Amino acid sequence: RLVMFLTNQTTIRDVLLFPTMKPIGKK
């Protein structure tokens, strides 16, 4: 959150290189 404020980002995903994502199907 501190990084978000100091880099002007509105979502935590934009300050995490690999945010948690729901897996997509193998196909």
mmCIF file of all heavy atoms, coordinates in Angstrom:
data_MODEL
# 
_entry.id   MODEL 
# 
loop_
_atom_site.group_PDB 
_atom_site.id 
_atom_site.type_symbol 
_atom_site.label_atom_id 
_atom_site.label_alt_id 
_atom_site.label_comp_id 
_atom_site.label_asym_id 
_atom_site.label_entity_id 
_atom_site.label_seq_id 
_atom_site.pdbx_PDB_ins_code 
_atom_site.Cartn_x 
_atom_site.Cartn_y 
_atom_site.Cartn_z 
_atom_site.occupancy 
_atom_site.B_iso_or_equiv 
_atom_site.pdbx_formal_charge 
_atom_site.auth_seq_id 
_atom_site.auth_comp_id 
_atom_site.auth_asym_id 
_atom_site.auth_atom_id 
_atom_site.pdbx_PDB_model_num 
ATOM 1   N N   . ARG A 1 1  ? 0.833   -1.211  0.000   1.00 0.00 ? 1  ARG A N   1 
ATOM 2   C CA  . ARG A 1 1  ? 0.000   0.000   0.000   1.00 0.00 ? 1  ARG A CA  1 
ATOM 3   C C   . ARG A 1 1  ? 0.861   1.252   0.000   1.00 0.00 ? 1  ARG A C   1 
ATOM 4   O O   . ARG A 1 1  ? 0.540   2.238   -0.680  1.00 0.00 ? 1  ARG A O   1 
ATOM 5   C CB  . ARG A 1 1  ? -0.930  -0.001  1.216   1.00 0.00 ? 1  ARG A CB  1 
ATOM 6   C CG  . ARG A 1 1  ? -2.039  -1.022  1.111   1.00 0.00 ? 1  ARG A CG  1 
ATOM 7   C CD  . ARG A 1 1  ? -3.062  -0.857  2.206   1.00 0.00 ? 1  ARG A CD  1 
ATOM 8   N NE  . ARG A 1 1  ? -4.021  -1.959  2.205   1.00 0.00 ? 1  ARG A NE  1 
ATOM 9   C CZ  . ARG A 1 1  ? -4.996  -2.090  3.080   1.00 0.00 ? 1  ARG A CZ  1 
ATOM 10  N NH1 . ARG A 1 1  ? -5.151  -1.191  4.036   1.00 0.00 ? 1  ARG A NH1 1 
ATOM 11  N NH2 . ARG A 1 1  ? -5.825  -3.111  3.023   1.00 0.00 ? 1  ARG A NH2 1 
ATOM 12  N N   . LEU A 1 2  ? 1.952   1.230   0.755   1.00 0.00 ? 2  LEU A N   1 
ATOM 13  C CA  . LEU A 1 2  ? 2.857   2.379   0.737   1.00 0.00 ? 2  LEU A CA  1 
ATOM 14  C C   . LEU A 1 2  ? 3.409   2.589   -0.667  1.00 0.00 ? 2  LEU A C   1 
ATOM 15  O O   . LEU A 1 2  ? 3.470   3.723   -1.165  1.00 0.00 ? 2  LEU A O   1 
ATOM 16  C CB  . LEU A 1 2  ? 4.001   2.161   1.730   1.00 0.00 ? 2  LEU A CB  1 
ATOM 17  C CG  . LEU A 1 2  ? 5.038   3.285   1.785   1.00 0.00 ? 2  LEU A CG  1 
ATOM 18  C CD1 . LEU A 1 2  ? 4.407   4.598   2.224   1.00 0.00 ? 2  LEU A CD1 1 
ATOM 19  C CD2 . LEU A 1 2  ? 6.202   2.907   2.699   1.00 0.00 ? 2  LEU A CD2 1 
ATOM 20  N N   . VAL A 1 3  ? 3.790   1.511   -1.324  1.00 0.00 ? 3  VAL A N   1 
ATOM 21  C CA  . VAL A 1 3  ? 4.300   1.612   -2.696  1.00 0.00 ? 3  VAL A CA  1 
ATOM 22  C C   . VAL A 1 3  ? 3.228   2.197   -3.612  1.00 0.00 ? 3  VAL A C   1 
ATOM 23  O O   . VAL A 1 3  ? 3.514   3.036   -4.479  1.00 0.00 ? 3  VAL A O   1 
ATOM 24  C CB  . VAL A 1 3  ? 4.772   0.240   -3.211  1.00 0.00 ? 3  VAL A CB  1 
ATOM 25  C CG1 . VAL A 1 3  ? 5.164   0.320   -4.689  1.00 0.00 ? 3  VAL A CG1 1 
ATOM 26  C CG2 . VAL A 1 3  ? 5.954   -0.276  -2.389  1.00 0.00 ? 3  VAL A CG2 1 
ATOM 27  N N   . MET A 1 4  ? 1.975   1.788   -3.426  1.00 0.00 ? 4  MET A N   1 
ATOM 28  C CA  . MET A 1 4  ? 0.895   2.344   -4.239  1.00 0.00 ? 4  MET A CA  1 
ATOM 29  C C   . MET A 1 4  ? 0.846   3.861   -4.119  1.00 0.00 ? 4  MET A C   1 
ATOM 30  O O   . MET A 1 4  ? 0.754   4.580   -5.130  1.00 0.00 ? 4  MET A O   1 
ATOM 31  C CB  . MET A 1 4  ? -0.450  1.748   -3.808  1.00 0.00 ? 4  MET A CB  1 
ATOM 32  C CG  . MET A 1 4  ? -0.675  0.316   -4.227  1.00 0.00 ? 4  MET A CG  1 
ATOM 33  S SD  . MET A 1 4  ? -2.169  -0.408  -3.485  1.00 0.00 ? 4  MET A SD  1 
ATOM 34  C CE  . MET A 1 4  ? -3.446  0.685   -4.129  1.00 0.00 ? 4  MET A CE  1 
ATOM 35  N N   . PHE A 1 5  ? 0.907   4.368   -2.888  1.00 0.00 ? 5  PHE A N   1 
ATOM 36  C CA  . PHE A 1 5  ? 0.818   5.816   -2.691  1.00 0.00 ? 5  PHE A CA  1 
ATOM 37  C C   . PHE A 1 5  ? 2.028   6.543   -3.274  1.00 0.00 ? 5  PHE A C   1 
ATOM 38  O O   . PHE A 1 5  ? 1.888   7.616   -3.861  1.00 0.00 ? 5  PHE A O   1 
ATOM 39  C CB  . PHE A 1 5  ? 0.678   6.141   -1.205  1.00 0.00 ? 5  PHE A CB  1 
ATOM 40  C CG  . PHE A 1 5  ? -0.675  5.798   -0.638  1.00 0.00 ? 5  PHE A CG  1 
ATOM 41  C CD1 . PHE A 1 5  ? -0.802  4.923   0.424   1.00 0.00 ? 5  PHE A CD1 1 
ATOM 42  C CD2 . PHE A 1 5  ? -1.834  6.330   -1.186  1.00 0.00 ? 5  PHE A CD2 1 
ATOM 43  C CE1 . PHE A 1 5  ? -2.044  4.589   0.949   1.00 0.00 ? 5  PHE A CE1 1 
ATOM 44  C CE2 . PHE A 1 5  ? -3.085  6.003   -0.679  1.00 0.00 ? 5  PHE A CE2 1 
ATOM 45  C CZ  . PHE A 1 5  ? -3.186  5.134   0.382   1.00 0.00 ? 5  PHE A CZ  1 
ATOM 46  N N   . LEU A 1 6  ? 3.209   5.970   -3.130  1.00 0.00 ? 6  LEU A N   1 
ATOM 47  C CA  . LEU A 1 6  ? 4.418   6.653   -3.566  1.00 0.00 ? 6  LEU A CA  1 
ATOM 48  C C   . LEU A 1 6  ? 4.672   6.515   -5.065  1.00 0.00 ? 6  LEU A C   1 
ATOM 49  O O   . LEU A 1 6  ? 5.552   7.191   -5.607  1.00 0.00 ? 6  LEU A O   1 
ATOM 50  C CB  . LEU A 1 6  ? 5.628   6.146   -2.782  1.00 0.00 ? 6  LEU A CB  1 
ATOM 51  C CG  . LEU A 1 6  ? 5.567   6.330   -1.254  1.00 0.00 ? 6  LEU A CG  1 
ATOM 52  C CD1 . LEU A 1 6  ? 6.917   6.042   -0.624  1.00 0.00 ? 6  LEU A CD1 1 
ATOM 53  C CD2 . LEU A 1 6  ? 5.101   7.726   -0.863  1.00 0.00 ? 6  LEU A CD2 1 
ATOM 54  N N   . THR A 1 7  ? 3.913   5.641   -5.750  1.00 0.00 ? 7  THR A N   1 
ATOM 55  C CA  . THR A 1 7  ? 4.046   5.491   -7.203  1.00 0.00 ? 7  THR A CA  1 
ATOM 56  C C   . THR A 1 7  ? 2.765   5.853   -7.945  1.00 0.00 ? 7  THR A C   1 
ATOM 57  O O   . THR A 1 7  ? 2.668   5.640   -9.158  1.00 0.00 ? 7  THR A O   1 
ATOM 58  C CB  . THR A 1 7  ? 4.446   4.044   -7.569  1.00 0.00 ? 7  THR A CB  1 
ATOM 59  O OG1 . THR A 1 7  ? 3.439   3.142   -7.084  1.00 0.00 ? 7  THR A OG1 1 
ATOM 60  C CG2 . THR A 1 7  ? 5.801   3.676   -6.969  1.00 0.00 ? 7  THR A CG2 1 
ATOM 61  N N   . ASN A 1 8  ? 1.755   6.356   -7.205  1.00 0.00 ? 8  ASN A N   1 
ATOM 62  C CA  . ASN A 1 8  ? 0.505   6.827   -7.810  1.00 0.00 ? 8  ASN A CA  1 
ATOM 63  C C   . ASN A 1 8  ? -0.241  5.708   -8.535  1.00 0.00 ? 8  ASN A C   1 
ATOM 64  O O   . ASN A 1 8  ? -0.741  5.887   -9.646  1.00 0.00 ? 8  ASN A O   1 
ATOM 65  C CB  . ASN A 1 8  ? 0.768   7.994   -8.774  1.00 0.00 ? 8  ASN A CB  1 
ATOM 66  C CG  . ASN A 1 8  ? -0.507  8.765   -9.103  1.00 0.00 ? 8  ASN A CG  1 
ATOM 67  O OD1 . ASN A 1 8  ? -1.492  8.726   -8.372  1.00 0.00 ? 8  ASN A OD1 1 
ATOM 68  N ND2 . ASN A 1 8  ? -0.502  9.459   -10.232 1.00 0.00 ? 8  ASN A ND2 1 
ATOM 69  N N   . GLN A 1 9  ? -0.337  4.550   -7.889  1.00 0.00 ? 9  GLN A N   1 
ATOM 70  C CA  . GLN A 1 9  ? -1.070  3.415   -8.447  1.00 0.00 ? 9  GLN A CA  1 
ATOM 71  C C   . GLN A 1 9  ? -2.342  3.187   -7.641  1.00 0.00 ? 9  GLN A C   1 
ATOM 72  O O   . GLN A 1 9  ? -2.356  3.360   -6.420  1.00 0.00 ? 9  GLN A O   1 
ATOM 73  C CB  . GLN A 1 9  ? -0.212  2.151   -8.429  1.00 0.00 ? 9  GLN A CB  1 
ATOM 74  C CG  . GLN A 1 9  ? 1.103   2.287   -9.165  1.00 0.00 ? 9  GLN A CG  1 
ATOM 75  C CD  . GLN A 1 9  ? 0.930   2.624   -10.634 1.00 0.00 ? 9  GLN A CD  1 
ATOM 76  O OE1 . GLN A 1 9  ? 0.149   1.969   -11.349 1.00 0.00 ? 9  GLN A OE1 1 
ATOM 77  N NE2 . GLN A 1 9  ? 1.648   3.628   -11.100 1.00 0.00 ? 9  GLN A NE2 1 
ATOM 78  N N   . THR A 1 10 ? -3.409  2.782   -8.321  1.00 0.00 ? 10 THR A N   1 
ATOM 79  C CA  . THR A 1 10 ? -4.705  2.647   -7.653  1.00 0.00 ? 10 THR A CA  1 
ATOM 80  C C   . THR A 1 10 ? -5.048  1.215   -7.281  1.00 0.00 ? 10 THR A C   1 
ATOM 81  O O   . THR A 1 10 ? -6.030  0.980   -6.582  1.00 0.00 ? 10 THR A O   1 
ATOM 82  C CB  . THR A 1 10 ? -5.836  3.188   -8.545  1.00 0.00 ? 10 THR A CB  1 
ATOM 83  O OG1 . THR A 1 10 ? -5.838  2.465   -9.785  1.00 0.00 ? 10 THR A OG1 1 
ATOM 84  C CG2 . THR A 1 10 ? -5.635  4.672   -8.815  1.00 0.00 ? 10 THR A CG2 1 
ATOM 85  N N   . THR A 1 11 ? -4.281  0.250   -7.727  1.00 0.00 ? 11 THR A N   1 
ATOM 86  C CA  . THR A 1 11 ? -4.554  -1.142  -7.386  1.00 0.00 ? 11 THR A CA  1 
ATOM 87  C C   . THR A 1 11 ? -3.274  -1.845  -6.993  1.00 0.00 ? 11 THR A C   1 
ATOM 88  O O   . THR A 1 11 ? -2.202  -1.597  -7.580  1.00 0.00 ? 11 THR A O   1 
ATOM 89  C CB  . THR A 1 11 ? -5.227  -1.893  -8.552  1.00 0.00 ? 11 THR A CB  1 
ATOM 90  O OG1 . THR A 1 11 ? -5.277  -3.302  -8.241  1.00 0.00 ? 11 THR A OG1 1 
ATOM 91  C CG2 . THR A 1 11 ? -4.465  -1.715  -9.848  1.00 0.00 ? 11 THR A CG2 1 
ATOM 92  N N   . ILE A 1 12 ? -3.372  -2.733  -6.026  1.00 0.00 ? 12 ILE A N   1 
ATOM 93  C CA  . ILE A 1 12 ? -2.202  -3.460  -5.533  1.00 0.00 ? 12 ILE A CA  1 
ATOM 94  C C   . ILE A 1 12 ? -1.582  -4.319  -6.623  1.00 0.00 ? 12 ILE A C   1 
ATOM 95  O O   . ILE A 1 12 ? -0.373  -4.577  -6.622  1.00 0.00 ? 12 ILE A O   1 
ATOM 96  C CB  . ILE A 1 12 ? -2.593  -4.313  -4.301  1.00 0.00 ? 12 ILE A CB  1 
ATOM 97  C CG1 . ILE A 1 12 ? -1.345  -4.795  -3.547  1.00 0.00 ? 12 ILE A CG1 1 
ATOM 98  C CG2 . ILE A 1 12 ? -3.483  -5.486  -4.699  1.00 0.00 ? 12 ILE A CG2 1 
ATOM 99  C CD1 . ILE A 1 12 ? -1.657  -5.436  -2.212  1.00 0.00 ? 12 ILE A CD1 1 
ATOM 100 N N   . ARG A 1 13 ? -2.388  -4.729  -7.605  1.00 0.00 ? 13 ARG A N   1 
ATOM 101 C CA  . ARG A 1 13 ? -1.849  -5.571  -8.677  1.00 0.00 ? 13 ARG A CA  1 
ATOM 102 C C   . ARG A 1 13 ? -0.818  -4.839  -9.516  1.00 0.00 ? 13 ARG A C   1 
ATOM 103 O O   . ARG A 1 13 ? 0.034   -5.471  -10.156 1.00 0.00 ? 13 ARG A O   1 
ATOM 104 C CB  . ARG A 1 13 ? -2.988  -6.081  -9.571  1.00 0.00 ? 13 ARG A CB  1 
ATOM 105 C CG  . ARG A 1 13 ? -3.892  -7.095  -8.883  1.00 0.00 ? 13 ARG A CG  1 
ATOM 106 C CD  . ARG A 1 13 ? -4.930  -7.627  -9.834  1.00 0.00 ? 13 ARG A CD  1 
ATOM 107 N NE  . ARG A 1 13 ? -5.694  -8.720  -9.229  1.00 0.00 ? 13 ARG A NE  1 
ATOM 108 C CZ  . ARG A 1 13 ? -6.548  -9.482  -9.884  1.00 0.00 ? 13 ARG A CZ  1 
ATOM 109 N NH1 . ARG A 1 13 ? -6.763  -9.265  -11.171 1.00 0.00 ? 13 ARG A NH1 1 
ATOM 110 N NH2 . ARG A 1 13 ? -7.190  -10.441 -9.260  1.00 0.00 ? 13 ARG A NH2 1 
ATOM 111 N N   . ASP A 1 14 ? -0.889  -3.510  -9.526  1.00 0.00 ? 14 ASP A N   1 
ATOM 112 C CA  . ASP A 1 14 ? 0.065   -2.736  -10.312 1.00 0.00 ? 14 ASP A CA  1 
ATOM 113 C C   . ASP A 1 14 ? 1.384   -2.514  -9.592  1.00 0.00 ? 14 ASP A C   1 
ATOM 114 O O   . ASP A 1 14 ? 2.317   -1.944  -10.167 1.00 0.00 ? 14 ASP A O   1 
ATOM 115 C CB  . ASP A 1 14 ? -0.542  -1.391  -10.719 1.00 0.00 ? 14 ASP A CB  1 
ATOM 116 C CG  . ASP A 1 14 ? -1.545  -1.541  -11.850 1.00 0.00 ? 14 ASP A CG  1 
ATOM 117 O OD1 . ASP A 1 14 ? -1.374  -2.474  -12.656 1.00 0.00 ? 14 ASP A OD1 1 
ATOM 118 O OD2 . ASP A 1 14 ? -2.492  -0.744  -11.916 1.00 0.00 ? 14 ASP A OD2 1 
ATOM 119 N N   . VAL A 1 15 ? 1.484   -2.956  -8.322  1.00 0.00 ? 15 VAL A N   1 
ATOM 120 C CA  . VAL A 1 15 ? 2.771   -2.854  -7.620  1.00 0.00 ? 15 VAL A CA  1 
ATOM 121 C C   . VAL A 1 15 ? 3.293   -4.234  -7.224  1.00 0.00 ? 15 VAL A C   1 
ATOM 122 O O   . VAL A 1 15 ? 4.285   -4.340  -6.509  1.00 0.00 ? 15 VAL A O   1 
ATOM 123 C CB  . VAL A 1 15 ? 2.677   -1.934  -6.385  1.00 0.00 ? 15 VAL A CB  1 
ATOM 124 C CG1 . VAL A 1 15 ? 2.290   -0.522  -6.799  1.00 0.00 ? 15 VAL A CG1 1 
ATOM 125 C CG2 . VAL A 1 15 ? 1.707   -2.475  -5.348  1.00 0.00 ? 15 VAL A CG2 1 
ATOM 126 N N   . LEU A 1 16 ? 2.625   -5.298  -7.696  1.00 0.00 ? 16 LEU A N   1 
ATOM 127 C CA  . LEU A 1 16 ? 3.106   -6.664  -7.522  1.00 0.00 ? 16 LEU A CA  1 
ATOM 128 C C   . LEU A 1 16 ? 3.463   -7.204  -8.902  1.00 0.00 ? 16 LEU A C   1 
ATOM 129 O O   . LEU A 1 16 ? 2.635   -7.167  -9.817  1.00 0.00 ? 16 LEU A O   1 
ATOM 130 C CB  . LEU A 1 16 ? 2.034   -7.551  -6.892  1.00 0.00 ? 16 LEU A CB  1 
ATOM 131 C CG  . LEU A 1 16 ? 1.560   -7.183  -5.484  1.00 0.00 ? 16 LEU A CG  1 
ATOM 132 C CD1 . LEU A 1 16 ? 0.407   -8.090  -5.069  1.00 0.00 ? 16 LEU A CD1 1 
ATOM 133 C CD2 . LEU A 1 16 ? 2.695   -7.281  -4.488  1.00 0.00 ? 16 LEU A CD2 1 
ATOM 134 N N   . LEU A 1 17 ? 4.673   -7.692  -9.059  1.00 0.00 ? 17 LEU A N   1 
ATOM 135 C CA  . LEU A 1 17 ? 5.064   -8.192  -10.370 1.00 0.00 ? 17 LEU A CA  1 
ATOM 136 C C   . LEU A 1 17 ? 4.169   -9.346  -10.822 1.00 0.00 ? 17 LEU A C   1 
ATOM 137 O O   . LEU A 1 17 ? 3.790   -9.424  -11.991 1.00 0.00 ? 17 LEU A O   1 
ATOM 138 C CB  . LEU A 1 17 ? 6.529   -8.645  -10.335 1.00 0.00 ? 17 LEU A CB  1 
ATOM 139 C CG  . LEU A 1 17 ? 7.556   -7.529  -10.470 1.00 0.00 ? 17 LEU A CG  1 
ATOM 140 C CD1 . LEU A 1 17 ? 8.949   -8.030  -10.127 1.00 0.00 ? 17 LEU A CD1 1 
ATOM 141 C CD2 . LEU A 1 17 ? 7.537   -6.928  -11.875 1.00 0.00 ? 17 LEU A CD2 1 
ATOM 142 N N   . PHE A 1 18 ? 3.833   -10.227 -9.892  1.00 0.00 ? 18 PHE A N   1 
ATOM 143 C CA  . PHE A 1 18 ? 3.007   -11.382 -10.238 1.00 0.00 ? 18 PHE A CA  1 
ATOM 144 C C   . PHE A 1 18 ? 1.875   -11.525 -9.226  1.00 0.00 ? 18 PHE A C   1 
ATOM 145 O O   . PHE A 1 18 ? 1.940   -12.358 -8.315  1.00 0.00 ? 18 PHE A O   1 
ATOM 146 C CB  . PHE A 1 18 ? 3.860   -12.653 -10.283 1.00 0.00 ? 18 PHE A CB  1 
ATOM 147 C CG  . PHE A 1 18 ? 4.975   -12.585 -11.293 1.00 0.00 ? 18 PHE A CG  1 
ATOM 148 C CD1 . PHE A 1 18 ? 6.277   -12.338 -10.888 1.00 0.00 ? 18 PHE A CD1 1 
ATOM 149 C CD2 . PHE A 1 18 ? 4.710   -12.737 -12.635 1.00 0.00 ? 18 PHE A CD2 1 
ATOM 150 C CE1 . PHE A 1 18 ? 7.298   -12.250 -11.813 1.00 0.00 ? 18 PHE A CE1 1 
ATOM 151 C CE2 . PHE A 1 18 ? 5.725   -12.655 -13.581 1.00 0.00 ? 18 PHE A CE2 1 
ATOM 152 C CZ  . PHE A 1 18 ? 7.035   -12.407 -13.174 1.00 0.00 ? 18 PHE A CZ  1 
ATOM 153 N N   . PRO A 1 19 ? 0.815   -10.726 -9.382  1.00 0.00 ? 19 PRO A N   1 
ATOM 154 C CA  . PRO A 1 19 ? -0.320  -10.823 -8.451  1.00 0.00 ? 19 PRO A CA  1 
ATOM 155 C C   . PRO A 1 19 ? -1.043  -12.148 -8.606  1.00 0.00 ? 19 PRO A C   1 
ATOM 156 O O   . PRO A 1 19 ? -0.960  -12.815 -9.650  1.00 0.00 ? 19 PRO A O   1 
ATOM 157 C CB  . PRO A 1 19 ? -1.215  -9.650  -8.877  1.00 0.00 ? 19 PRO A CB  1 
ATOM 158 C CG  . PRO A 1 19 ? -0.874  -9.414  -10.314 1.00 0.00 ? 19 PRO A CG  1 
ATOM 159 C CD  . PRO A 1 19 ? 0.583   -9.725  -10.445 1.00 0.00 ? 19 PRO A CD  1 
ATOM 160 N N   . THR A 1 20 ? -1.766  -12.528 -7.556  1.00 0.00 ? 20 THR A N   1 
ATOM 161 C CA  . THR A 1 20 ? -2.530  -13.774 -7.591  1.00 0.00 ? 20 THR A CA  1 
ATOM 162 C C   . THR A 1 20 ? -3.657  -13.663 -8.614  1.00 0.00 ? 20 THR A C   1 
ATOM 163 O O   . THR A 1 20 ? -4.415  -12.696 -8.609  1.00 0.00 ? 20 THR A O   1 
ATOM 164 C CB  . THR A 1 20 ? -3.112  -14.079 -6.205  1.00 0.00 ? 20 THR A CB  1 
ATOM 165 O OG1 . THR A 1 20 ? -2.040  -14.128 -5.256  1.00 0.00 ? 20 THR A OG1 1 
ATOM 166 C CG2 . THR A 1 20 ? -3.860  -15.399 -6.201  1.00 0.00 ? 20 THR A CG2 1 
ATOM 167 N N   . MET A 1 21 ? -3.772  -14.658 -9.474  1.00 0.00 ? 21 MET A N   1 
ATOM 168 C CA  . MET A 1 21 ? -4.795  -14.664 -10.516 1.00 0.00 ? 21 MET A CA  1 
ATOM 169 C C   . MET A 1 21 ? -5.523  -16.006 -10.509 1.00 0.00 ? 21 MET A C   1 
ATOM 170 O O   . MET A 1 21 ? -4.944  -17.042 -10.195 1.00 0.00 ? 21 MET A O   1 
ATOM 171 C CB  . MET A 1 21 ? -4.159  -14.448 -11.900 1.00 0.00 ? 21 MET A CB  1 
ATOM 172 C CG  . MET A 1 21 ? -3.361  -13.161 -12.042 1.00 0.00 ? 21 MET A CG  1 
ATOM 173 S SD  . MET A 1 21 ? -4.378  -11.693 -12.006 1.00 0.00 ? 21 MET A SD  1 
ATOM 174 C CE  . MET A 1 21 ? -5.261  -11.839 -13.557 1.00 0.00 ? 21 MET A CE  1 
ATOM 175 N N   . LYS A 1 22 ? -6.782  -15.967 -10.850 1.00 0.00 ? 22 LYS A N   1 
ATOM 176 C CA  . LYS A 1 22 ? -7.540  -17.201 -10.991 1.00 0.00 ? 22 LYS A CA  1 
ATOM 177 C C   . LYS A 1 22 ? -7.007  -17.977 -12.198 1.00 0.00 ? 22 LYS A C   1 
ATOM 178 O O   . LYS A 1 22 ? -6.875  -17.417 -13.293 1.00 0.00 ? 22 LYS A O   1 
ATOM 179 C CB  . LYS A 1 22 ? -9.025  -16.889 -11.191 1.00 0.00 ? 22 LYS A CB  1 
ATOM 180 C CG  . LYS A 1 22 ? -9.908  -18.120 -11.293 1.00 0.00 ? 22 LYS A CG  1 
ATOM 181 C CD  . LYS A 1 22 ? -11.377 -17.726 -11.442 1.00 0.00 ? 22 LYS A CD  1 
ATOM 182 C CE  . LYS A 1 22 ? -12.275 -18.953 -11.552 1.00 0.00 ? 22 LYS A CE  1 
ATOM 183 N NZ  . LYS A 1 22 ? -13.698 -18.575 -11.703 1.00 0.00 ? 22 LYS A NZ  1 
ATOM 184 N N   . PRO A 1 23 ? -6.684  -19.267 -12.031 1.00 0.00 ? 23 PRO A N   1 
ATOM 185 C CA  . PRO A 1 23 ? -6.138  -20.036 -13.159 1.00 0.00 ? 23 PRO A CA  1 
ATOM 186 C C   . PRO A 1 23 ? -7.125  -20.110 -14.314 1.00 0.00 ? 23 PRO A C   1 
ATOM 187 O O   . PRO A 1 23 ? -8.334  -20.165 -14.119 1.00 0.00 ? 23 PRO A O   1 
ATOM 188 C CB  . PRO A 1 23 ? -5.900  -21.429 -12.560 1.00 0.00 ? 23 PRO A CB  1 
ATOM 189 C CG  . PRO A 1 23 ? -5.857  -21.228 -11.085 1.00 0.00 ? 23 PRO A CG  1 
ATOM 190 C CD  . PRO A 1 23 ? -6.773  -20.072 -10.801 1.00 0.00 ? 23 PRO A CD  1 
ATOM 191 N N   . ILE A 1 24 ? -6.566  -20.098 -15.507 1.00 0.00 ? 24 ILE A N   1 
ATOM 192 C CA  . ILE A 1 24 ? -7.396  -20.305 -16.686 1.00 0.00 ? 24 ILE A CA  1 
ATOM 193 C C   . ILE A 1 24 ? -7.283  -21.770 -17.103 1.00 0.00 ? 24 ILE A C   1 
ATOM 194 O O   . ILE A 1 24 ? -6.343  -22.472 -16.729 1.00 0.00 ? 24 ILE A O   1 
ATOM 195 C CB  . ILE A 1 24 ? -6.987  -19.384 -17.848 1.00 0.00 ? 24 ILE A CB  1 
ATOM 196 C CG1 . ILE A 1 24 ? -5.492  -19.530 -18.149 1.00 0.00 ? 24 ILE A CG1 1 
ATOM 197 C CG2 . ILE A 1 24 ? -7.308  -17.942 -17.513 1.00 0.00 ? 24 ILE A CG2 1 
ATOM 198 C CD1 . ILE A 1 24 ? -5.022  -18.668 -19.288 1.00 0.00 ? 24 ILE A CD1 1 
ATOM 199 N N   . GLY A 1 25 ? -8.237  -22.241 -17.888 1.00 0.00 ? 25 GLY A N   1 
ATOM 200 C CA  . GLY A 1 25 ? -8.237  -23.642 -18.284 1.00 0.00 ? 25 GLY A CA  1 
ATOM 201 C C   . GLY A 1 25 ? -7.039  -23.989 -19.143 1.00 0.00 ? 25 GLY A C   1 
ATOM 202 O O   . GLY A 1 25 ? -6.465  -23.143 -19.834 1.00 0.00 ? 25 GLY A O   1 
ATOM 203 N N   . LYS A 1 26 ? -6.639  -25.243 -19.121 1.00 0.00 ? 26 LYS A N   1 
ATOM 204 C CA  . LYS A 1 26 ? -5.451  -25.688 -19.857 1.00 0.00 ? 26 LYS A CA  1 
ATOM 205 C C   . LYS A 1 26 ? -5.573  -25.382 -21.343 1.00 0.00 ? 26 LYS A C   1 
ATOM 206 O O   . LYS A 1 26 ? -4.641  -24.911 -21.968 1.00 0.00 ? 26 LYS A O   1 
ATOM 207 C CB  . LYS A 1 26 ? -5.238  -27.187 -19.640 1.00 0.00 ? 26 LYS A CB  1 
ATOM 208 C CG  . LYS A 1 26 ? -3.987  -27.730 -20.316 1.00 0.00 ? 26 LYS A CG  1 
ATOM 209 C CD  . LYS A 1 26 ? -3.763  -29.188 -19.967 1.00 0.00 ? 26 LYS A CD  1 
ATOM 210 C CE  . LYS A 1 26 ? -2.573  -29.762 -20.716 1.00 0.00 ? 26 LYS A CE  1 
ATOM 211 N NZ  . LYS A 1 26 ? -1.325  -29.057 -20.438 1.00 0.00 ? 26 LYS A NZ  1 
ATOM 212 N N   . LYS A 1 27 ? -6.773  -25.598 -21.891 1.00 0.00 ? 27 LYS A N   1 
ATOM 213 C CA  . LYS A 1 27 ? -6.966  -25.345 -23.319 1.00 0.00 ? 27 LYS A CA  1 
ATOM 214 C C   . LYS A 1 27 ? -6.756  -23.872 -23.618 1.00 0.00 ? 27 LYS A C   1 
ATOM 215 O O   . LYS A 1 27 ? -6.108  -23.506 -24.597 1.00 0.00 ? 27 LYS A O   1 
ATOM 216 C CB  . LYS A 1 27 ? -8.368  -25.786 -23.754 1.00 0.00 ? 27 LYS A CB  1 
ATOM 217 C CG  . LYS A 1 27 ? -8.628  -25.592 -25.235 1.00 0.00 ? 27 LYS A CG  1 
ATOM 218 C CD  . LYS A 1 27 ? -10.014 -26.111 -25.617 1.00 0.00 ? 27 LYS A CD  1 
ATOM 219 C CE  . LYS A 1 27 ? -10.258 -25.904 -27.121 1.00 0.00 ? 27 LYS A CE  1 
ATOM 220 N NZ  . LYS A 1 27 ? -11.587 -26.388 -27.524 1.00 0.00 ? 27 LYS A NZ  1 
# 
